[in-house]
Amino acid sequence: MLGLHPYVWAWILFQASVVAIGIAVAFAHATADGSGGEPVPVLV
């Protein structure tokens, strides 16, 4: 689309996915109801 190499796009998508997972995990912990939620496995 912008003339970037596939490797560059793969790196950008990888970074975006890592950030998205981090936000999702943080959001899940932030919204825990304090019932001792199960630990979230982070597969990185």
Protein backbone atom coordinates (compact mmCIF):
# COMPACT_ATOMS: atom_id res chain seq x y z
CA MET A 1 0.00 0.00 0.00
CA LEU A 2 2.73 2.44 0.99
CA GLY A 3 5.48 0.61 -0.86
CA LEU A 4 6.89 -0.99 2.28
CA HIS A 5 8.50 -4.38 2.19
CA PRO A 6 6.44 -7.36 3.46
CA TYR A 7 8.98 -7.74 6.28
CA VAL A 8 8.28 -4.19 7.41
CA TRP A 9 4.53 -4.82 7.36
CA ALA A 10 5.04 -8.08 9.29
CA TRP A 11 7.05 -6.19 11.93
CA ILE A 12 4.42 -3.45 12.19
CA LEU A 13 1.61 -5.99 12.56
CA PHE A 14 3.66 -7.92 15.13
CA GLN A 15 4.25 -4.79 17.20
CA ALA A 16 0.56 -3.85 16.92
CA SER A 17 -0.48 -7.31 18.11
CA VAL A 18 1.89 -7.14 21.08
CA VAL A 19 0.49 -3.75 22.08
CA ALA A 20 -3.08 -4.99 21.62
CA ILE A 21 -2.41 -8.05 23.79
CA GLY A 22 -0.76 -5.88 26.44
CA ILE A 23 -3.75 -3.54 26.51
CA ALA A 24 -6.18 -6.47 26.61
CA VAL A 25 -4.34 -8.08 29.53
CA ALA A 26 -4.08 -4.78 31.40
CA PHE A 27 -7.78 -4.09 30.77
CA ALA A 28 -8.72 -7.58 31.97
CA HIS A 29 -6.75 -7.09 35.19
CA ALA A 30 -8.10 -3.57 35.67
CA THR A 31 -11.69 -4.80 35.36
CA ALA A 32 -11.20 -7.80 37.66
CA ASP A 33 -13.97 -7.97 40.22
CA GLY A 34 -11.49 -8.95 42.93
CA SER A 35 -12.65 -12.57 43.06
CA GLY A 36 -9.12 -13.84 42.60
CA GLY A 37 -9.31 -14.17 38.85
CA GLU A 38 -7.27 -16.84 37.13
CA PRO A 39 -3.84 -15.73 35.87
CA VAL A 40 -3.84 -14.85 32.19
CA PRO A 41 -1.30 -16.86 30.17
CA VAL A 42 0.75 -14.53 28.00
CA LEU A 43 2.08 -16.35 24.95
CA VAL A 44 4.84 -14.14 23.60
